[in-house]
Amino acid sequence: MPTPTEIRLNRAEKTLTIAFDDGARFVLPAELLRVESPSAEVQGHHPGQKQIVAGRRHVGIIGIEPVGTYAVRLTFDDLHDTGIYDWDRLYRLGRDRDAIWTAYLAALEARGLRREP
């Protein structure tokens, strides 16, 4: 799996840009990273337990902390900070961003939830 060569936070645009050693470069919105957090709070402890996180349209990232040489921990301005984003997850979120986002929007709609806080 590719590894990052650059990770850059743009607080004003609420995005995280990640460049990988295979040439891939992804711009990931904070909202996507937050609602797809790898934390147990979002993903659950077993398959099928994933929670749909609503109301995070305006969420931002306030901190990035390295976790060894394999991941980062992101701190969001809603104070969520329990997910560890390994390189595989970040790459997949970038590569599959459109499909993941479409599925998220469909899940919100199906439950009568909104992106707005």
C-alpha atoms as a PDB file:
ATOM      1  CA  MET A   1       0.000   0.000   0.000  1.00  0.00           C
ATOM      2  CA  PRO A   2       1.287   3.474  -0.805  1.00  0.00           C
ATOM      3  CA  THR A   3       2.536   5.714   1.992  1.00  0.00           C
ATOM      4  CA  PRO A   4       2.056   9.477   2.322  1.00  0.00           C
ATOM      5  CA  THR A   5       4.745  11.852   1.173  1.00  0.00           C
ATOM      6  CA  GLU A   6       2.806  14.935   2.285  1.00  0.00           C
ATOM      7  CA  ILE A   7      -0.127  15.651   4.578  1.00  0.00           C
ATOM      8  CA  ARG A   8      -1.367  19.230   4.574  1.00  0.00           C
ATOM      9  CA  LEU A   9      -4.265  20.734   6.522  1.00  0.00           C
ATOM     10  CA  ASN A  10      -6.147  23.694   5.052  1.00  0.00           C
ATOM     11  CA  ARG A  11      -8.183  24.994   7.985  1.00  0.00           C
ATOM     12  CA  ALA A  12      -9.903  27.710   5.969  1.00  0.00           C
ATOM     13  CA  GLU A  13     -11.224  25.226   3.389  1.00  0.00           C
ATOM     14  CA  LYS A  14     -11.648  22.468   5.993  1.00  0.00           C
ATOM     15  CA  THR A  15      -9.721  19.942   3.922  1.00  0.00           C
ATOM     16  CA  LEU A  16      -6.832  17.557   4.348  1.00  0.00           C
ATOM     17  CA  THR A  17      -4.611  17.061   1.298  1.00  0.00           C
ATOM     18  CA  ILE A  18      -2.631  13.836   1.167  1.00  0.00           C
ATOM     19  CA  ALA A  19      -0.033  12.953  -1.445  1.00  0.00           C
ATOM     20  CA  PHE A  20       1.172   9.355  -1.714  1.00  0.00           C
ATOM     21  CA  ASP A  21       4.389   7.863  -3.032  1.00  0.00           C
ATOM     22  CA  ASP A  22       2.568   6.259  -5.977  1.00  0.00           C
ATOM     23  CA  GLY A  23       1.674   9.736  -7.298  1.00  0.00           C
ATOM     24  CA  ALA A  24      -1.913   9.771  -6.014  1.00  0.00           C
ATOM     25  CA  ARG A  25      -3.057  13.006  -4.373  1.00  0.00           C
ATOM     26  CA  PHE A  26      -6.367  13.404  -2.593  1.00  0.00           C
ATOM     27  CA  VAL A  27      -8.178  16.371  -1.078  1.00  0.00           C
ATOM     28  CA  LEU A  28     -10.466  15.082   1.657  1.00  0.00           C
ATOM     29  CA  PRO A  29     -13.115  17.289   3.273  1.00  0.00           C
ATOM     30  CA  ALA A  30     -13.146  17.310   7.072  1.00  0.00           C
ATOM     31  CA  GLU A  31     -16.816  16.351   7.010  1.00  0.00           C
ATOM     32  CA  LEU A  32     -16.064  13.146   5.087  1.00  0.00           C
ATOM     33  CA  LEU A  33     -13.197  12.266   7.426  1.00  0.00           C
ATOM     34  CA  ARG A  34     -15.400  12.880  10.467  1.00  0.00           C
ATOM     35  CA  VAL A  35     -18.411  10.874   9.317  1.00  0.00           C
ATOM     36  CA  GLU A  36     -16.142   8.010   8.186  1.00  0.00           C
ATOM     37  CA  SER A  37     -14.066   8.046  11.372  1.00  0.00           C
ATOM     38  CA  PRO A  38     -12.470   4.672  12.118  1.00  0.00           C
ATOM     39  CA  SER A  39     -13.464   5.045  15.777  1.00  0.00           C
ATOM     40  CA  ALA A  40     -15.631   2.452  17.486  1.00  0.00           C
ATOM     41  CA  GLU A  41     -18.132   5.273  18.121  1.00  0.00           C
ATOM     42  CA  VAL A  42     -18.746   5.464  14.362  1.00  0.00           C
ATOM     43  CA  GLN A  43     -17.759   2.035  13.030  1.00  0.00           C
ATOM     44  CA  GLY A  44     -19.055  -0.006  15.976  1.00  0.00           C
ATOM     45  CA  HIS A  45     -17.355  -3.066  17.401  1.00  0.00           C
ATOM     46  CA  HIS A  46     -18.738  -5.592  14.923  1.00  0.00           C
ATOM     47  CA  PRO A  47     -19.656  -5.576  11.227  1.00  0.00           C
ATOM     48  CA  GLY A  48     -23.035  -3.988  10.663  1.00  0.00           C
ATOM     49  CA  GLN A  49     -22.828  -1.643  13.654  1.00  0.00           C
ATOM     50  CA  LYS A  50     -21.705   1.451  11.729  1.00  0.00           C
ATOM     51  CA  GLN A  51     -23.435   4.623  12.895  1.00  0.00           C
ATOM     52  CA  ILE A  52     -24.552   7.366  10.541  1.00  0.00           C
ATOM     53  CA  VAL A  53     -23.176  10.645  11.865  1.00  0.00           C
ATOM     54  CA  ALA A  54     -25.393  13.607  10.983  1.00  0.00           C
ATOM     55  CA  GLY A  55     -25.007  17.340  11.449  1.00  0.00           C
ATOM     56  CA  ARG A  56     -21.314  17.661  10.626  1.00  0.00           C
ATOM     57  CA  ARG A  57     -21.445  19.854   7.514  1.00  0.00           C
ATOM     58  CA  HIS A  58     -19.321  22.603   9.093  1.00  0.00           C
ATOM     59  CA  VAL A  59     -16.884  20.458  11.084  1.00  0.00           C
ATOM     60  CA  GLY A  60     -13.208  21.320  10.859  1.00  0.00           C
ATOM     61  CA  ILE A  61      -9.937  19.675  11.836  1.00  0.00           C
ATOM     62  CA  ILE A  62      -7.993  21.343  14.644  1.00  0.00           C
ATOM     63  CA  GLY A  63      -5.171  18.849  15.070  1.00  0.00           C
ATOM     64  CA  ILE A  64      -3.142  16.124  13.391  1.00  0.00           C
ATOM     65  CA  GLU A  65      -0.981  13.813  15.481  1.00  0.00           C
ATOM     66  CA  PRO A  66       1.302  11.116  14.051  1.00  0.00           C
ATOM     67  CA  VAL A  67       0.692   7.585  15.305  1.00  0.00           C
ATOM     68  CA  GLY A  68       3.902   5.656  14.761  1.00  0.00           C
ATOM     69  CA  THR A  69       4.816   5.449  11.086  1.00  0.00           C
ATOM     70  CA  TYR A  70       1.486   4.048   9.931  1.00  0.00           C
ATOM     71  CA  ALA A  71      -1.273   6.538  10.788  1.00  0.00           C
ATOM     72  CA  VAL A  72      -2.487   9.883  12.114  1.00  0.00           C
ATOM     73  CA  ARG A  73      -5.034  10.819  14.740  1.00  0.00           C
ATOM     74  CA  LEU A  74      -7.245  13.712  13.730  1.00  0.00           C
ATOM     75  CA  THR A  75      -8.903  16.029  16.220  1.00  0.00           C
ATOM     76  CA  PHE A  76     -12.051  17.709  14.973  1.00  0.00           C
ATOM     77  CA  ASP A  77     -13.543  20.931  16.270  1.00  0.00           C
ATOM     78  CA  ASP A  78     -16.497  18.943  17.660  1.00  0.00           C
ATOM     79  CA  LEU A  79     -13.742  17.392  19.857  1.00  0.00           C
ATOM     80  CA  HIS A  80     -13.991  13.936  18.280  1.00  0.00           C
ATOM     81  CA  ASP A  81     -10.470  12.468  18.362  1.00  0.00           C
ATOM     82  CA  THR A  82     -10.722   8.735  18.918  1.00  0.00           C
ATOM     83  CA  GLY A  83     -10.163   7.394  15.414  1.00  0.00           C
ATOM     84  CA  ILE A  84      -6.761   6.398  14.042  1.00  0.00           C
ATOM     85  CA  TYR A  85      -6.563   6.948  10.293  1.00  0.00           C
ATOM     86  CA  ASP A  86      -4.012   4.526   8.885  1.00  0.00           C
ATOM     87  CA  TRP A  87      -2.543   5.034   5.437  1.00  0.00           C
ATOM     88  CA  ASP A  88      -4.767   2.341   3.896  1.00  0.00           C
ATOM     89  CA  ARG A  89      -7.940   4.032   5.172  1.00  0.00           C
ATOM     90  CA  LEU A  90      -6.862   7.469   3.971  1.00  0.00           C
ATOM     91  CA  TYR A  91      -5.941   6.096   0.561  1.00  0.00           C
ATOM     92  CA  ARG A  92      -9.282   4.274   0.268  1.00  0.00           C
ATOM     93  CA  LEU A  93     -11.203   7.390   1.332  1.00  0.00           C
ATOM     94  CA  GLY A  94      -9.448   9.347  -1.397  1.00  0.00           C
ATOM     95  CA  ARG A  95      -9.712   6.701  -4.096  1.00  0.00           C
ATOM     96  CA  ASP A  96     -13.359   5.855  -3.361  1.00  0.00           C
ATOM     97  CA  ARG A  97     -14.453   9.305  -2.206  1.00  0.00           C
ATOM     98  CA  ASP A  98     -17.369   9.722  -4.628  1.00  0.00           C
ATOM     99  CA  ALA A  99     -18.901   6.308  -3.884  1.00  0.00           C
ATOM    100  CA  ILE A 100     -18.440   6.704  -0.118  1.00  0.00           C
ATOM    101  CA  TRP A 101     -19.985  10.174  -0.199  1.00  0.00           C
ATOM    102  CA  THR A 102     -22.951   9.045  -2.294  1.00  0.00           C
ATOM    103  CA  ALA A 103     -23.615   6.164   0.117  1.00  0.00           C
ATOM    104  CA  TYR A 104     -23.390   8.530   3.092  1.00  0.00           C
ATOM    105  CA  LEU A 105     -25.887  10.971   1.580  1.00  0.00           C
ATOM    106  CA  ALA A 106     -28.266   8.098   0.771  1.00  0.00           C
ATOM    107  CA  ALA A 107     -27.992   6.801   4.354  1.00  0.00           C
ATOM    108  CA  LEU A 108     -28.778  10.255   5.744  1.00  0.00           C
ATOM    109  CA  GLU A 109     -31.812  10.578   3.495  1.00  0.00           C
ATOM    110  CA  ALA A 110     -33.072   7.092   4.328  1.00  0.00           C
ATOM    111  CA  ARG A 111     -33.022   7.971   8.033  1.00  0.00           C
ATOM    112  CA  GLY A 112     -34.434  11.473   7.653  1.00  0.00           C
ATOM    113  CA  LEU A 113     -31.182  13.026   8.859  1.00  0.00           C
ATOM    114  CA  ARG A 114     -29.345  16.118   7.627  1.00  0.00           C
ATOM    115  CA  ARG A 115     -25.795  17.340   7.157  1.00  0.00           C
ATOM    116  CA  GLU A 116     -26.652  20.615   8.856  1.00  0.00           C
ATOM    117  CA  PRO A 117     -26.166  20.814  12.628  1.00  0.00           C
END
